[in-house]
């Protein structure tokens, strides 16, 4: 499963969601506070920076998205979603 990541800079949280393949529906999964996983927050912040660059590089974006996917998967192993 691939996840979608967004930043809420007001609350300093990463919003994690999922969209089933071929669907336009987005399913909310959880919010992760910056202080709960600073490495993951920083990676998503960098992903956002790449996506908003005037010289967007799709290859770099896809690579960084893979890093974010990996960091979130590791986060799930340590902190299962049921912790909310």
N, C-alpha and C. Protein backbone atom coordinates (compact mmCIF):
# COMPACT_ATOMS: atom_id res chain seq x y z
N UNK A 1 0.84 -1.17 0.00
CA UNK A 1 0.00 0.00 0.00
C UNK A 1 0.90 1.24 0.00
N UNK A 2 0.59 2.18 -0.88
CA UNK A 2 1.32 3.43 -0.89
C UNK A 2 0.52 4.50 -0.16
N UNK A 3 1.20 5.31 0.58
CA UNK A 3 0.57 6.34 1.39
C UNK A 3 0.77 7.71 0.77
N UNK A 4 -0.12 8.62 1.12
CA UNK A 4 -0.02 10.02 0.73
C UNK A 4 0.33 10.82 1.98
N UNK A 5 1.18 11.82 1.82
CA UNK A 5 1.62 12.62 2.96
C UNK A 5 1.36 14.10 2.70
N UNK A 6 0.90 14.77 3.73
CA UNK A 6 0.70 16.21 3.66
C UNK A 6 1.19 16.80 4.98
N UNK A 7 1.58 18.06 4.93
CA UNK A 7 2.04 18.74 6.14
C UNK A 7 0.99 19.72 6.63
N UNK A 8 0.76 19.72 7.92
CA UNK A 8 -0.02 20.78 8.56
C UNK A 8 1.01 21.58 9.33
N UNK A 9 1.45 22.67 8.72
CA UNK A 9 2.53 23.46 9.33
C UNK A 9 2.05 24.23 10.55
N UNK A 10 0.75 24.46 10.68
CA UNK A 10 0.23 25.15 11.86
C UNK A 10 0.37 24.28 13.11
N UNK A 11 0.09 22.99 12.97
CA UNK A 11 0.17 22.08 14.12
C UNK A 11 1.46 21.27 14.13
N UNK A 12 2.28 21.44 13.09
CA UNK A 12 3.52 20.68 12.92
C UNK A 12 3.24 19.18 12.99
N UNK A 13 2.36 18.74 12.07
CA UNK A 13 2.01 17.33 11.98
C UNK A 13 2.06 16.89 10.52
N UNK A 14 2.35 15.60 10.34
CA UNK A 14 2.23 14.98 9.02
C UNK A 14 0.86 14.31 9.00
N UNK A 15 0.10 14.57 7.95
CA UNK A 15 -1.20 13.93 7.76
C UNK A 15 -0.95 12.77 6.79
N UNK A 16 -1.29 11.58 7.24
CA UNK A 16 -1.08 10.37 6.43
C UNK A 16 -2.45 9.90 5.95
N UNK A 17 -2.51 9.59 4.65
CA UNK A 17 -3.74 9.08 4.07
C UNK A 17 -3.41 8.06 2.99
N UNK A 18 -4.45 7.51 2.41
CA UNK A 18 -4.30 6.49 1.37
C UNK A 18 -5.43 6.67 0.37
N UNK A 19 -5.11 6.45 -0.89
CA UNK A 19 -6.12 6.49 -1.94
C UNK A 19 -6.04 5.19 -2.72
N UNK A 20 -7.13 4.40 -2.71
CA UNK A 20 -7.10 3.15 -3.46
C UNK A 20 -6.82 3.40 -4.95
N UNK A 21 -6.07 2.50 -5.56
CA UNK A 21 -5.70 2.64 -6.96
C UNK A 21 -6.96 2.79 -7.82
N UNK A 22 -6.95 3.80 -8.70
CA UNK A 22 -8.07 4.03 -9.60
C UNK A 22 -9.22 4.81 -8.97
N UNK A 23 -9.02 5.26 -7.74
CA UNK A 23 -10.08 5.98 -7.03
C UNK A 23 -9.65 7.42 -6.78
N UNK A 24 -10.63 8.31 -6.71
CA UNK A 24 -10.32 9.69 -6.35
C UNK A 24 -10.61 9.94 -4.86
N UNK A 25 -11.06 8.90 -4.15
CA UNK A 25 -11.35 9.01 -2.73
C UNK A 25 -10.05 8.92 -1.93
N UNK A 26 -9.92 9.79 -0.94
CA UNK A 26 -8.75 9.77 -0.06
C UNK A 26 -9.22 9.39 1.34
N UNK A 27 -8.60 8.37 1.90
CA UNK A 27 -8.94 7.89 3.24
C UNK A 27 -7.89 8.35 4.25
N UNK A 28 -8.33 9.10 5.23
CA UNK A 28 -7.45 9.55 6.30
C UNK A 28 -6.99 8.35 7.12
N UNK A 29 -5.70 8.35 7.49
CA UNK A 29 -5.17 7.28 8.34
C UNK A 29 -4.82 7.82 9.72
N UNK A 30 -3.93 8.82 9.77
CA UNK A 30 -3.52 9.37 11.06
C UNK A 30 -2.73 10.65 10.89
N UNK A 31 -2.53 11.34 12.01
CA UNK A 31 -1.67 12.51 12.09
C UNK A 31 -0.50 12.14 12.99
N UNK A 32 0.70 12.56 12.59
CA UNK A 32 1.89 12.27 13.38
C UNK A 32 2.55 13.60 13.73
N UNK A 33 2.69 13.86 15.01
CA UNK A 33 3.31 15.10 15.47
C UNK A 33 4.80 15.10 15.17
N UNK A 34 5.31 16.26 14.87
CA UNK A 34 6.73 16.42 14.57
C UNK A 34 7.59 15.84 15.68
N UNK A 35 7.22 16.12 16.93
CA UNK A 35 8.05 15.64 18.04
C UNK A 35 7.98 14.13 18.24
N UNK A 36 6.98 13.47 17.66
CA UNK A 36 6.88 12.02 17.76
C UNK A 36 7.80 11.30 16.77
N UNK A 37 8.17 12.01 15.66
CA UNK A 37 9.07 11.40 14.67
C UNK A 37 9.66 12.52 13.82
N UNK A 38 10.69 13.16 14.34
CA UNK A 38 11.29 14.31 13.66
C UNK A 38 11.92 13.93 12.32
N UNK A 39 12.46 12.73 12.22
CA UNK A 39 13.08 12.29 10.97
C UNK A 39 12.02 12.17 9.87
N UNK A 40 10.90 11.57 10.19
CA UNK A 40 9.80 11.42 9.22
C UNK A 40 9.24 12.79 8.84
N UNK A 41 9.02 13.64 9.81
CA UNK A 41 8.50 14.98 9.53
C UNK A 41 9.45 15.72 8.59
N UNK A 42 10.74 15.66 8.87
CA UNK A 42 11.73 16.33 8.02
C UNK A 42 11.74 15.79 6.60
N UNK A 43 11.57 14.48 6.45
CA UNK A 43 11.55 13.88 5.12
C UNK A 43 10.32 14.35 4.34
N UNK A 44 9.17 14.39 4.99
CA UNK A 44 7.95 14.87 4.31
C UNK A 44 8.08 16.35 4.00
N UNK A 45 8.70 17.10 4.89
CA UNK A 45 8.93 18.52 4.64
C UNK A 45 9.81 18.71 3.40
N UNK A 46 10.84 17.87 3.27
CA UNK A 46 11.71 17.94 2.09
C UNK A 46 10.96 17.52 0.83
N UNK A 47 10.10 16.51 0.94
CA UNK A 47 9.27 16.08 -0.19
C UNK A 47 8.40 17.24 -0.67
N UNK A 48 7.83 17.97 0.27
CA UNK A 48 7.01 19.14 -0.07
C UNK A 48 7.86 20.19 -0.78
N UNK A 49 9.08 20.41 -0.31
CA UNK A 49 9.98 21.39 -0.93
C UNK A 49 10.28 20.99 -2.38
N UNK A 50 10.52 19.72 -2.61
CA UNK A 50 10.79 19.23 -3.96
C UNK A 50 9.57 19.47 -4.86
N UNK A 51 8.39 19.16 -4.33
CA UNK A 51 7.17 19.28 -5.15
C UNK A 51 6.82 20.72 -5.49
N UNK A 52 7.26 21.66 -4.69
CA UNK A 52 6.92 23.05 -4.95
C UNK A 52 8.06 23.83 -5.63
N UNK A 53 9.11 23.14 -6.01
CA UNK A 53 10.23 23.77 -6.68
C UNK A 53 9.86 24.19 -8.10
N UNK A 54 10.37 25.32 -8.53
CA UNK A 54 10.12 25.76 -9.91
C UNK A 54 10.84 24.86 -10.91
N UNK A 55 11.83 24.11 -10.46
CA UNK A 55 12.55 23.16 -11.30
C UNK A 55 12.25 21.74 -10.81
N UNK A 56 10.97 21.38 -10.86
CA UNK A 56 10.51 20.07 -10.37
C UNK A 56 11.22 18.94 -11.11
N UNK A 57 11.74 18.00 -10.33
CA UNK A 57 12.43 16.84 -10.88
C UNK A 57 11.67 15.59 -10.41
N UNK A 58 10.94 14.95 -11.33
CA UNK A 58 10.10 13.81 -10.97
C UNK A 58 10.90 12.65 -10.41
N UNK A 59 12.09 12.42 -10.93
CA UNK A 59 12.92 11.30 -10.45
C UNK A 59 13.31 11.52 -8.99
N UNK A 60 13.72 12.73 -8.66
CA UNK A 60 14.09 13.05 -7.27
C UNK A 60 12.85 12.95 -6.37
N UNK A 61 11.71 13.45 -6.86
CA UNK A 61 10.48 13.38 -6.08
C UNK A 61 10.11 11.93 -5.77
N UNK A 62 10.14 11.06 -6.78
CA UNK A 62 9.79 9.65 -6.58
C UNK A 62 10.74 8.97 -5.60
N UNK A 63 12.02 9.31 -5.68
CA UNK A 63 13.00 8.74 -4.77
C UNK A 63 12.73 9.18 -3.34
N UNK A 64 12.45 10.47 -3.15
CA UNK A 64 12.17 10.97 -1.81
C UNK A 64 10.85 10.42 -1.28
N UNK A 65 9.88 10.23 -2.17
CA UNK A 65 8.62 9.63 -1.74
C UNK A 65 8.86 8.21 -1.23
N UNK A 66 9.75 7.46 -1.87
CA UNK A 66 10.09 6.11 -1.40
C UNK A 66 10.70 6.16 0.00
N UNK A 67 11.53 7.17 0.24
CA UNK A 67 12.12 7.34 1.58
C UNK A 67 11.01 7.59 2.60
N UNK A 68 10.08 8.46 2.25
CA UNK A 68 8.96 8.76 3.16
C UNK A 68 8.11 7.51 3.41
N UNK A 69 7.86 6.73 2.36
CA UNK A 69 7.10 5.48 2.50
C UNK A 69 7.81 4.54 3.50
N UNK A 70 9.11 4.41 3.35
CA UNK A 70 9.90 3.55 4.23
C UNK A 70 9.87 4.06 5.67
N UNK A 71 10.08 5.34 5.86
CA UNK A 71 10.07 5.91 7.21
C UNK A 71 8.71 5.74 7.88
N UNK A 72 7.64 5.89 7.09
CA UNK A 72 6.31 5.70 7.67
C UNK A 72 6.07 4.23 8.02
N UNK A 73 6.50 3.33 7.17
CA UNK A 73 6.36 1.89 7.46
C UNK A 73 7.09 1.54 8.75
N UNK A 74 8.29 2.07 8.92
CA UNK A 74 9.03 1.84 10.17
C UNK A 74 8.31 2.46 11.36
N UNK A 75 7.74 3.64 11.16
CA UNK A 75 7.00 4.31 12.23
C UNK A 75 5.82 3.44 12.67
N UNK A 76 5.12 2.85 11.71
CA UNK A 76 3.97 1.99 12.01
C UNK A 76 4.38 0.77 12.84
N UNK A 77 5.57 0.25 12.57
CA UNK A 77 6.04 -0.92 13.32
C UNK A 77 6.28 -0.57 14.79
N UNK A 78 6.75 0.64 15.03
CA UNK A 78 7.03 1.06 16.40
C UNK A 78 5.78 1.57 17.10
N UNK A 79 4.96 2.33 16.37
CA UNK A 79 3.74 2.93 16.91
C UNK A 79 2.54 2.53 16.07
N UNK A 80 1.94 1.38 16.35
CA UNK A 80 0.77 0.98 15.56
C UNK A 80 -0.33 2.04 15.61
N UNK A 81 -1.12 2.11 14.58
CA UNK A 81 -2.16 3.14 14.47
C UNK A 81 -3.12 3.12 15.64
N UNK A 82 -3.32 2.01 16.27
CA UNK A 82 -4.26 1.91 17.39
C UNK A 82 -3.87 2.78 18.57
N UNK A 83 -2.71 3.41 18.52
CA UNK A 83 -2.25 4.27 19.63
C UNK A 83 -3.02 5.57 19.74
N UNK A 84 -3.87 5.88 18.75
CA UNK A 84 -4.57 7.18 18.75
C UNK A 84 -5.52 7.28 19.88
